Amino acid sequence: MEENKSEIFKGKTFEGLLEDIYKNSKKKEQQIQILITELKPFIKNVGDAVIIVPLIKDYMEIAVKNDEALIKMAAIVQRA
């Protein structure tokens, strides 16, 4: 579609924005998996989990909020 190829701002097309959303999502998924894998050895008991799990949760929430912002931006551009 030609409309996906027009620039929405300098150097970025709608198609490029969608690609960024997809790539960011996949990259964050990998980063979260790596983070969890690296932190697993540090969890020896419930007390350790109480400290470490909220850190993972916060990281995941930030990733989701960043993706939501990009998705909202894509929806606005698509309507325009």
PDB file of N, CA and C in Angstrom:
ATOM      1  N   MET A   1       0.843  -1.176   0.000  1.00  0.00           N
ATOM      2  CA  MET A   1       0.000   0.000   0.000  1.00  0.00           C
ATOM      3  C   MET A   1       0.886   1.236   0.000  1.00  0.00           C
ATOM      4  N   GLU A   2       0.568   2.139  -0.890  1.00  0.00           N
ATOM      5  CA  GLU A   2       1.363   3.356  -1.048  1.00  0.00           C
ATOM      6  C   GLU A   2       1.297   4.245   0.191  1.00  0.00           C
ATOM      7  N   GLU A   3       0.148   4.279   0.861  1.00  0.00           N
ATOM      8  CA  GLU A   3       0.001   5.136   2.044  1.00  0.00           C
ATOM      9  C   GLU A   3       0.946   4.715   3.164  1.00  0.00           C
ATOM     10  N   ASN A   4       1.342   3.454   3.218  1.00  0.00           N
ATOM     11  CA  ASN A   4       2.269   2.978   4.246  1.00  0.00           C
ATOM     12  C   ASN A   4       3.704   3.411   3.965  1.00  0.00           C
ATOM     13  N   LYS A   5       3.976   3.870   2.741  1.00  0.00           N
ATOM     14  CA  LYS A   5       5.332   4.244   2.348  1.00  0.00           C
ATOM     15  C   LYS A   5       5.604   5.737   2.519  1.00  0.00           C
ATOM     16  N   SER A   6       4.553   6.558   2.714  1.00  0.00           N
ATOM     17  CA  SER A   6       4.782   7.993   2.868  1.00  0.00           C
ATOM     18  C   SER A   6       5.310   8.291   4.269  1.00  0.00           C
ATOM     19  N   GLU A   7       6.158   9.320   4.343  1.00  0.00           N
ATOM     20  CA  GLU A   7       6.785   9.679   5.615  1.00  0.00           C
ATOM     21  C   GLU A   7       5.761  10.270   6.572  1.00  0.00           C
ATOM     22  N   ILE A   8       5.782   9.789   7.805  1.00  0.00           N
ATOM     23  CA  ILE A   8       4.913  10.369   8.829  1.00  0.00           C
ATOM     24  C   ILE A   8       5.679  11.405   9.645  1.00  0.00           C
ATOM     25  N   PHE A   9       6.984  11.241   9.723  1.00  0.00           N
ATOM     26  CA  PHE A   9       7.916  12.255  10.199  1.00  0.00           C
ATOM     27  C   PHE A   9       9.280  11.910   9.635  1.00  0.00           C
ATOM     28  N   LYS A  10      10.227  12.796   9.775  1.00  0.00           N
ATOM     29  CA  LYS A  10      11.508  12.664   9.062  1.00  0.00           C
ATOM     30  C   LYS A  10      12.119  11.264   9.202  1.00  0.00           C
ATOM     31  N   GLY A  11      12.232  10.603   8.053  1.00  0.00           N
ATOM     32  CA  GLY A  11      12.894   9.306   8.001  1.00  0.00           C
ATOM     33  C   GLY A  11      12.068   8.131   8.498  1.00  0.00           C
ATOM     34  N   LYS A  12      10.792   8.326   8.777  1.00  0.00           N
ATOM     35  CA  LYS A  12       9.974   7.225   9.309  1.00  0.00           C
ATOM     36  C   LYS A  12       8.644   7.165   8.563  1.00  0.00           C
ATOM     37  N   THR A  13       8.375   5.983   8.003  1.00  0.00           N
ATOM     38  CA  THR A  13       7.094   5.732   7.341  1.00  0.00           C
ATOM     39  C   THR A  13       6.191   4.944   8.294  1.00  0.00           C
ATOM     40  N   PHE A  14       4.934   4.840   7.952  1.00  0.00           N
ATOM     41  CA  PHE A  14       4.001   4.049   8.762  1.00  0.00           C
ATOM     42  C   PHE A  14       4.448   2.597   8.769  1.00  0.00           C
ATOM     43  N   GLU A  15       4.880   2.132   7.611  1.00  0.00           N
ATOM     44  CA  GLU A  15       5.385   0.758   7.507  1.00  0.00           C
ATOM     45  C   GLU A  15       6.596   0.569   8.426  1.00  0.00           C
ATOM     46  N   GLY A  16       7.480   1.555   8.440  1.00  0.00           N
ATOM     47  CA  GLY A  16       8.658   1.511   9.306  1.00  0.00           C
ATOM     48  C   GLY A  16       8.285   1.522  10.777  1.00  0.00           C
ATOM     49  N   LEU A  17       7.253   2.299  11.112  1.00  0.00           N
ATOM     50  CA  LEU A  17       6.779   2.358  12.493  1.00  0.00           C
ATOM     51  C   LEU A  17       6.247   0.999  12.934  1.00  0.00           C
ATOM     52  N   LEU A  18       5.469   0.358  12.080  1.00  0.00           N
ATOM     53  CA  LEU A  18       4.952  -0.970  12.401  1.00  0.00           C
ATOM     54  C   LEU A  18       6.092  -1.978  12.558  1.00  0.00           C
ATOM     55  N   GLU A  19       7.090  -1.861  11.703  1.00  0.00           N
ATOM     56  CA  GLU A  19       8.244  -2.745  11.795  1.00  0.00           C
ATOM     57  C   GLU A  19       8.993  -2.521  13.119  1.00  0.00           C
ATOM     58  N   ASP A  20       9.125  -1.251  13.510  1.00  0.00           N
ATOM     59  CA  ASP A  20       9.775  -0.936  14.787  1.00  0.00           C
ATOM     60  C   ASP A  20       9.013  -1.538  15.961  1.00  0.00           C
ATOM     61  N   ILE A  21       7.691  -1.440  15.931  1.00  0.00           N
ATOM     62  CA  ILE A  21       6.866  -2.006  16.999  1.00  0.00           C
ATOM     63  C   ILE A  21       7.120  -3.505  17.104  1.00  0.00           C
ATOM     64  N   TYR A  22       7.111  -4.174  15.969  1.00  0.00           N
ATOM     65  CA  TYR A  22       7.334  -5.621  15.951  1.00  0.00           C
ATOM     66  C   TYR A  22       8.729  -5.969  16.464  1.00  0.00           C
ATOM     67  N   LYS A  23       9.746  -5.290  15.939  1.00  0.00           N
ATOM     68  CA  LYS A  23      11.125  -5.576  16.348  1.00  0.00           C
ATOM     69  C   LYS A  23      11.337  -5.292  17.836  1.00  0.00           C
ATOM     70  N   ASN A  24      10.779  -4.177  18.331  1.00  0.00           N
ATOM     71  CA  ASN A  24      10.911  -3.845  19.749  1.00  0.00           C
ATOM     72  C   ASN A  24      10.277  -4.916  20.620  1.00  0.00           C
ATOM     73  N   SER A  25       9.126  -5.385  20.201  1.00  0.00           N
ATOM     74  CA  SER A  25       8.431  -6.425  20.961  1.00  0.00           C
ATOM     75  C   SER A  25       9.267  -7.695  21.039  1.00  0.00           C
ATOM     76  N   LYS A  26       9.818  -8.117  19.903  1.00  0.00           N
ATOM     77  CA  LYS A  26      10.639  -9.327  19.881  1.00  0.00           C
ATOM     78  C   LYS A  26      11.917  -9.142  20.698  1.00  0.00           C
ATOM     79  N   LYS A  27      12.537  -7.977  20.577  1.00  0.00           N
ATOM     80  CA  LYS A  27      13.769  -7.708  21.306  1.00  0.00           C
ATOM     81  C   LYS A  27      13.520  -7.713  22.813  1.00  0.00           C
ATOM     82  N   LYS A  28      12.428  -7.092  23.237  1.00  0.00           N
ATOM     83  CA  LYS A  28      12.097  -7.060  24.667  1.00  0.00           C
ATOM     84  C   LYS A  28      11.791  -8.461  25.188  1.00  0.00           C
ATOM     85  N   GLU A  29      11.131  -9.254  24.368  1.00  0.00           N
ATOM     86  CA  GLU A  29      10.842 -10.634  24.751  1.00  0.00           C
ATOM     87  C   GLU A  29      12.137 -11.392  25.017  1.00  0.00           C
ATOM     88  N   GLN A  30      13.111 -11.219  24.134  1.00  0.00           N
ATOM     89  CA  GLN A  30      14.411 -11.873  24.312  1.00  0.00           C
ATOM     90  C   GLN A  30      15.134 -11.336  25.543  1.00  0.00           C
ATOM     91  N   GLN A  31      15.091 -10.013  25.735  1.00  0.00           N
ATOM     92  CA  GLN A  31      15.765  -9.410  26.877  1.00  0.00           C
ATOM     93  C   GLN A  31      15.168  -9.893  28.197  1.00  0.00           C
ATOM     94  N   ILE A  32      13.863 -10.020  28.237  1.00  0.00           N
ATOM     95  CA  ILE A  32      13.204 -10.496  29.454  1.00  0.00           C
ATOM     96  C   ILE A  32      13.582 -11.941  29.730  1.00  0.00           C
ATOM     97  N   GLN A  33      13.632 -12.764  28.686  1.00  0.00           N
ATOM     98  CA  GLN A  33      14.043 -14.153  28.862  1.00  0.00           C
ATOM     99  C   GLN A  33      15.478 -14.242  29.386  1.00  0.00           C
ATOM    100  N   ILE A  34      16.362 -13.423  28.838  1.00  0.00           N
ATOM    101  CA  ILE A  34      17.758 -13.403  29.298  1.00  0.00           C
ATOM    102  C   ILE A  34      17.825 -12.943  30.748  1.00  0.00           C
ATOM    103  N   LEU A  35      17.092 -11.898  31.078  1.00  0.00           N
ATOM    104  CA  LEU A  35      17.078 -11.383  32.447  1.00  0.00           C
ATOM    105  C   LEU A  35      16.610 -12.451  33.428  1.00  0.00           C
ATOM    106  N   ILE A  36      15.525 -13.119  33.099  1.00  0.00           N
ATOM    107  CA  ILE A  36      14.998 -14.168  33.975  1.00  0.00           C
ATOM    108  C   ILE A  36      16.017 -15.300  34.119  1.00  0.00           C
ATOM    109  N   THR A  37      16.618 -15.703  33.010  1.00  0.00           N
ATOM    110  CA  THR A  37      17.619 -16.779  33.040  1.00  0.00           C
ATOM    111  C   THR A  37      18.815 -16.391  33.915  1.00  0.00           C
ATOM    112  N   GLU A  38      19.242 -15.133  33.809  1.00  0.00           N
ATOM    113  CA  GLU A  38      20.390 -14.686  34.602  1.00  0.00           C
ATOM    114  C   GLU A  38      20.063 -14.536  36.082  1.00  0.00           C
ATOM    115  N   LEU A  39      18.808 -14.205  36.388  1.00  0.00           N
ATOM    116  CA  LEU A  39      18.437 -13.989  37.788  1.00  0.00           C
ATOM    117  C   LEU A  39      18.027 -15.270  38.520  1.00  0.00           C
ATOM    118  N   LYS A  40      17.639 -16.305  37.783  1.00  0.00           N
ATOM    119  CA  LYS A  40      17.222 -17.570  38.403  1.00  0.00           C
ATOM    120  C   LYS A  40      18.227 -18.113  39.417  1.00  0.00           C
ATOM    121  N   PRO A  41      19.523 -18.128  39.099  1.00  0.00           N
ATOM    122  CA  PRO A  41      20.483 -18.688  40.063  1.00  0.00           C
ATOM    123  C   PRO A  41      20.549 -17.926  41.391  1.00  0.00           C
ATOM    124  N   PHE A  42      20.100 -16.674  41.390  1.00  0.00           N
ATOM    125  CA  PHE A  42      20.149 -15.874  42.616  1.00  0.00           C
ATOM    126  C   PHE A  42      18.961 -16.127  43.533  1.00  0.00           C
ATOM    127  N   ILE A  43      17.953 -16.821  43.030  1.00  0.00           N
ATOM    128  CA  ILE A  43      16.758 -17.098  43.841  1.00  0.00           C
ATOM    129  C   ILE A  43      16.952 -18.444  44.530  1.00  0.00           C
ATOM    130  N   LYS A  44      17.298 -18.364  45.786  1.00  0.00           N
ATOM    131  CA  LYS A  44      17.554 -19.570  46.590  1.00  0.00           C
ATOM    132  C   LYS A  44      16.397 -19.884  47.530  1.00  0.00           C
ATOM    133  N   ASN A  45      15.612 -18.856  47.856  1.00  0.00           N
ATOM    134  CA  ASN A  45      14.493 -19.048  48.780  1.00  0.00           C
ATOM    135  C   ASN A  45      13.414 -18.009  48.491  1.00  0.00           C
ATOM    136  N   VAL A  46      12.342 -18.068  49.249  1.00  0.00           N
ATOM    137  CA  VAL A  46      11.204 -17.169  49.041  1.00  0.00           C
ATOM    138  C   VAL A  46      11.618 -15.714  49.239  1.00  0.00           C
ATOM    139  N   GLY A  47      12.492 -15.461  50.198  1.00  0.00           N
ATOM    140  CA  GLY A  47      12.955 -14.091  50.446  1.00  0.00           C
ATOM    141  C   GLY A  47      13.658 -13.496  49.239  1.00  0.00           C
ATOM    142  N   ASP A  48      14.480 -14.305  48.585  1.00  0.00           N
ATOM    143  CA  ASP A  48      15.161 -13.846  47.375  1.00  0.00           C
ATOM    144  C   ASP A  48      14.141 -13.528  46.273  1.00  0.00           C
ATOM    145  N   ALA A  49      13.153 -14.390  46.136  1.00  0.00           N
ATOM    146  CA  ALA A  49      12.121 -14.192  45.113  1.00  0.00           C
ATOM    147  C   ALA A  49      11.344 -12.907  45.368  1.00  0.00           C
ATOM    148  N   VAL A  50      11.079 -12.627  46.637  1.00  0.00           N
ATOM    149  CA  VAL A  50      10.326 -11.414  46.994  1.00  0.00           C
ATOM    150  C   VAL A  50      11.090 -10.168  46.550  1.00  0.00           C
ATOM    151  N   ILE A  51      12.396 -10.231  46.532  1.00  0.00           N
ATOM    152  CA  ILE A  51      13.210  -9.089  46.116  1.00  0.00           C
ATOM    153  C   ILE A  51      13.367  -9.038  44.595  1.00  0.00           C
ATOM    154  N   ILE A  52      13.617 -10.161  43.973  1.00  0.00           N
ATOM    155  CA  ILE A  52      13.959 -10.194  42.548  1.00  0.00           C
ATOM    156  C   ILE A  52      12.744 -10.140  41.623  1.00  0.00           C
ATOM    157  N   VAL A  53      11.680 -10.837  41.966  1.00  0.00           N
ATOM    158  CA  VAL A  53      10.509 -10.896  41.079  1.00  0.00           C
ATOM    159  C   VAL A  53       9.915  -9.511  40.809  1.00  0.00           C
ATOM    160  N   PRO A  54       9.800  -8.623  41.817  1.00  0.00           N
ATOM    161  CA  PRO A  54       9.286  -7.281  41.496  1.00  0.00           C
ATOM    162  C   PRO A  54      10.170  -6.508  40.510  1.00  0.00           C
ATOM    163  N   LEU A  55      11.460  -6.760  40.521  1.00  0.00           N
ATOM    164  CA  LEU A  55      12.347  -6.105  39.558  1.00  0.00           C
ATOM    165  C   LEU A  55      12.007  -6.550  38.138  1.00  0.00           C
ATOM    166  N   ILE A  56      11.780  -7.847  37.974  1.00  0.00           N
ATOM    167  CA  ILE A  56      11.398  -8.386  36.662  1.00  0.00           C
ATOM    168  C   ILE A  56      10.044  -7.808  36.248  1.00  0.00           C
ATOM    169  N   LYS A  57       9.120  -7.750  37.184  1.00  0.00           N
ATOM    170  CA  LYS A  57       7.777  -7.214  36.912  1.00  0.00           C
ATOM    171  C   LYS A  57       7.862  -5.759  36.449  1.00  0.00           C
ATOM    172  N   ASP A  58       8.657  -4.953  37.139  1.00  0.00           N
ATOM    173  CA  ASP A  58       8.810  -3.550  36.755  1.00  0.00           C
ATOM    174  C   ASP A  58       9.390  -3.419  35.355  1.00  0.00           C
ATOM    175  N   TYR A  59      10.385  -4.213  35.063  1.00  0.00           N
ATOM    176  CA  TYR A  59      11.012  -4.188  33.741  1.00  0.00           C
ATOM    177  C   TYR A  59       9.985  -4.541  32.665  1.00  0.00           C
ATOM    178  N   MET A  60       9.176  -5.557  32.929  1.00  0.00           N
ATOM    179  CA  MET A  60       8.162  -5.983  31.966  1.00  0.00           C
ATOM    180  C   MET A  60       7.105  -4.902  31.775  1.00  0.00           C
ATOM    181  N   GLU A  61       6.687  -4.249  32.852  1.00  0.00           N
ATOM    182  CA  GLU A  61       5.682  -3.197  32.753  1.00  0.00           C
ATOM    183  C   GLU A  61       6.182  -2.021  31.919  1.00  0.00           C
ATOM    184  N   ILE A  62       7.434  -1.659  32.103  1.00  0.00           N
ATOM    185  CA  ILE A  62       8.011  -0.566  31.315  1.00  0.00           C
ATOM    186  C   ILE A  62       8.025  -0.947  29.840  1.00  0.00           C
ATOM    187  N   ALA A  63       8.398  -2.173  29.543  1.00  0.00           N
ATOM    188  CA  ALA A  63       8.432  -2.642  28.154  1.00  0.00           C
ATOM    189  C   ALA A  63       7.042  -2.588  27.536  1.00  0.00           C
ATOM    190  N   VAL A  64       6.037  -3.013  28.281  1.00  0.00           N
ATOM    191  CA  VAL A  64       4.658  -3.005  27.779  1.00  0.00           C
ATOM    192  C   VAL A  64       4.190  -1.570  27.537  1.00  0.00           C
ATOM    193  N   LYS A  65       4.493  -0.653  28.448  1.00  0.00           N
ATOM    194  CA  LYS A  65       4.086   0.746  28.285  1.00  0.00           C
ATOM    195  C   LYS A  65       4.742   1.374  27.061  1.00  0.00           C
ATOM    196  N   ASN A  66       6.011   1.058  26.825  1.00  0.00           N
ATOM    197  CA  ASN A  66       6.689   1.586  25.639  1.00  0.00           C
ATOM    198  C   ASN A  66       6.027   1.067  24.366  1.00  0.00           C
ATOM    199  N   ASP A  67       5.698  -0.222  24.338  1.00  0.00           N
ATOM    200  CA  ASP A  67       5.024  -0.793  23.173  1.00  0.00           C
ATOM    201  C   ASP A  67       3.640  -0.175  22.989  1.00  0.00           C
ATOM    202  N   GLU A  68       2.914   0.035  24.081  1.00  0.00           N
ATOM    203  CA  GLU A  68       1.587   0.640  23.996  1.00  0.00           C
ATOM    204  C   GLU A  68       1.660   2.037  23.405  1.00  0.00           C
ATOM    205  N   ALA A  69       2.671   2.809  23.772  1.00  0.00           N
ATOM    206  CA  ALA A  69       2.826   4.154  23.228  1.00  0.00           C
ATOM    207  C   ALA A  69       3.043   4.107  21.721  1.00  0.00           C
ATOM    208  N   LEU A  70       3.882   3.191  21.257  1.00  0.00           N
ATOM    209  CA  LEU A  70       4.115   3.061  19.817  1.00  0.00           C
ATOM    210  C   LEU A  70       2.853   2.604  19.091  1.00  0.00           C
ATOM    211  N   ILE A  71       2.111   1.699  19.693  1.00  0.00           N
ATOM    212  CA  ILE A  71       0.883   1.203  19.070  1.00  0.00           C
ATOM    213  C   ILE A  71      -0.160   2.316  18.985  1.00  0.00           C
ATOM    214  N   LYS A  72      -0.265   3.124  20.026  1.00  0.00           N
ATOM    215  CA  LYS A  72      -1.206   4.254  19.994  1.00  0.00           C
ATOM    216  C   LYS A  72      -0.799   5.248  18.912  1.00  0.00           C
ATOM    217  N   MET A  73       0.492   5.499  18.781  1.00  0.00           N
ATOM    218  CA  MET A  73       0.967   6.405  17.754  1.00  0.00           C
ATOM    219  C   MET A  73       0.622   5.845  16.375  1.00  0.00           C
ATOM    220  N   ALA A  74       0.799   4.557  16.175  1.00  0.00           N
ATOM    221  CA  ALA A  74       0.476   3.930  14.892  1.00  0.00           C
ATOM    222  C   ALA A  74      -1.022   4.069  14.591  1.00  0.00           C
ATOM    223  N   ALA A  75      -1.860   3.899  15.613  1.00  0.00           N
ATOM    224  CA  ALA A  75      -3.309   4.031  15.418  1.00  0.00           C
ATOM    225  C   ALA A  75      -3.683   5.452  15.006  1.00  0.00           C
ATOM    226  N   ILE A  76      -3.032   6.438  15.615  1.00  0.00           N
ATOM    227  CA  ILE A  76      -3.309   7.837  15.263  1.00  0.00           C
ATOM    228  C   ILE A  76      -2.901   8.113  13.826  1.00  0.00           C
ATOM    229  N   VAL A  77      -1.720   7.640  13.457  1.00  0.00           N
ATOM    230  CA  VAL A  77      -1.236   7.852  12.083  1.00  0.00           C
ATOM    231  C   VAL A  77      -2.154   7.165  11.094  1.00  0.00           C
ATOM    232  N   GLN A  78      -2.616   5.985  11.416  1.00  0.00           N
ATOM    233  CA  GLN A  78      -3.467   5.235  10.496  1.00  0.00           C
ATOM    234  C   GLN A  78      -4.789   5.959  10.275  1.00  0.00           C
ATOM    235  N   ARG A  79      -5.318   6.593  11.307  1.00  0.00           N
ATOM    236  CA  ARG A  79      -6.582   7.338  11.167  1.00  0.00           C
ATOM    237  C   ARG A  79      -6.414   8.600  10.355  1.00  0.00           C
ATOM    238  N   ALA A  80      -5.224   9.176  10.399  1.00  0.00           N
ATOM    239  CA  ALA A  80      -4.993  10.468   9.736  1.00  0.00           C
ATOM    240  C   ALA A  80      -4.925  10.373   8.248  1.00  0.00           C
TER     241      ALA A  80
END
